[in-house]
Amino acid sequence: MVLFFLPQNGIHKVGFTATKKLGNAVKRNRAKRRMRAIFREYSNTLKDGTYVFVAKVGLFDSSYEQLNKNFHKVLKQAKTIKEM
């Protein structure tokens, strides 16, 4: 998955997208549901801003644990996780 992040004070928006390259509507919606479920776990620890997540083909082959690890990696690379 790919993350586009725009830091903004006081604003916390998120969007999920999947292109037709992934497959039919059922597959695209499943990819977005998986990303939304994992985002909920991290939402309280993220900085304010606008997040746009783009699904990639490998999303379907990944287990939940692998997807969660990749999600954390993407957020860490973008430096969006708050320091505690």
Protein backbone atom coordinates (compact mmCIF):
# COMPACT_ATOMS: atom_id res chain seq x y z
CA MET A 1 0.00 0.00 0.00
CA VAL A 2 0.99 3.60 -0.51
CA LEU A 3 0.35 6.52 1.85
CA PHE A 4 -0.04 10.16 0.90
CA PHE A 5 0.08 12.43 3.96
CA LEU A 6 -0.51 16.16 4.32
CA PRO A 7 0.07 17.52 7.85
CA GLN A 8 -2.62 19.95 9.06
CA ASN A 9 -3.26 21.20 12.58
CA GLY A 10 -6.57 20.19 14.09
CA ILE A 11 -7.74 18.22 11.05
CA HIS A 12 -7.89 14.43 10.98
CA LYS A 13 -9.19 13.13 7.62
CA VAL A 14 -8.61 9.80 5.96
CA GLY A 15 -9.39 8.29 2.57
CA PHE A 16 -8.97 4.83 1.09
CA THR A 17 -8.76 4.10 -2.61
CA ALA A 18 -8.31 1.08 -4.83
CA THR A 19 -7.94 1.24 -8.60
CA LYS A 20 -9.51 -1.07 -11.17
CA LYS A 21 -6.12 -2.75 -11.57
CA LEU A 22 -6.93 -4.67 -8.38
CA GLY A 23 -9.96 -6.35 -9.87
CA ASN A 24 -13.72 -6.08 -9.74
CA ALA A 25 -15.75 -4.06 -7.23
CA VAL A 26 -15.85 -6.91 -4.72
CA LYS A 27 -12.04 -7.08 -4.54
CA ARG A 28 -11.63 -3.30 -4.41
CA ASN A 29 -14.14 -2.99 -1.57
CA ARG A 30 -12.49 -5.83 0.33
CA ALA A 31 -9.11 -4.09 0.03
CA LYS A 32 -10.57 -0.86 1.40
CA ARG A 33 -12.30 -2.68 4.27
CA ARG A 34 -9.02 -4.34 5.27
CA MET A 35 -7.18 -1.01 5.26
CA ARG A 36 -9.97 0.67 7.28
CA ALA A 37 -9.90 -2.06 9.91
CA ILE A 38 -6.16 -1.68 10.47
CA PHE A 39 -6.35 2.12 10.39
CA ARG A 40 -8.79 2.06 13.33
CA GLU A 41 -6.10 0.44 15.47
CA TYR A 42 -3.63 3.25 14.75
CA SER A 43 -6.01 6.24 14.56
CA ASN A 44 -5.46 7.36 18.18
CA THR A 45 -1.68 7.38 17.82
CA LEU A 46 -1.44 9.40 14.58
CA LYS A 47 -0.63 13.05 14.04
CA ASP A 48 -3.27 15.44 12.68
CA GLY A 49 -3.48 15.67 8.93
CA THR A 50 -5.00 14.22 5.80
CA TYR A 51 -4.22 10.58 5.00
CA VAL A 52 -4.87 8.87 1.67
CA PHE A 53 -4.13 5.14 1.45
CA VAL A 54 -3.86 3.46 -1.95
CA ALA A 55 -4.25 -0.32 -2.14
CA LYS A 56 -1.82 -2.41 -4.18
CA VAL A 57 -2.18 -5.90 -5.65
CA GLY A 58 -0.14 -7.62 -2.91
CA LEU A 59 -2.80 -6.71 -0.37
CA PHE A 60 -4.83 -9.83 -1.15
CA ASP A 61 -1.93 -12.26 -0.68
CA SER A 62 -0.94 -10.89 2.73
CA SER A 63 -2.10 -12.26 6.04
CA TYR A 64 -3.52 -9.88 8.64
CA GLU A 65 -0.26 -9.88 10.60
CA GLN A 66 1.82 -9.09 7.50
CA LEU A 67 -0.61 -6.37 6.44
CA ASN A 68 -0.49 -4.85 9.92
CA LYS A 69 3.32 -4.88 9.84
CA ASN A 70 3.38 -3.19 6.42
CA PHE A 71 0.83 -0.61 7.59
CA HIS A 72 3.01 0.26 10.58
CA LYS A 73 6.07 0.48 8.32
CA VAL A 74 4.32 2.91 5.95
CA LEU A 75 3.16 5.11 8.84
CA LYS A 76 6.63 5.09 10.40
CA GLN A 77 8.31 6.05 7.10
CA ALA A 78 5.93 8.98 6.74
CA LYS A 79 6.67 9.99 10.37
CA THR A 80 2.99 10.19 11.23
CA ILE A 81 3.04 8.27 14.52
CA LYS A 82 3.01 10.55 17.59
CA GLU A 83 5.93 10.36 20.00
CA MET A 84 4.83 9.18 23.43
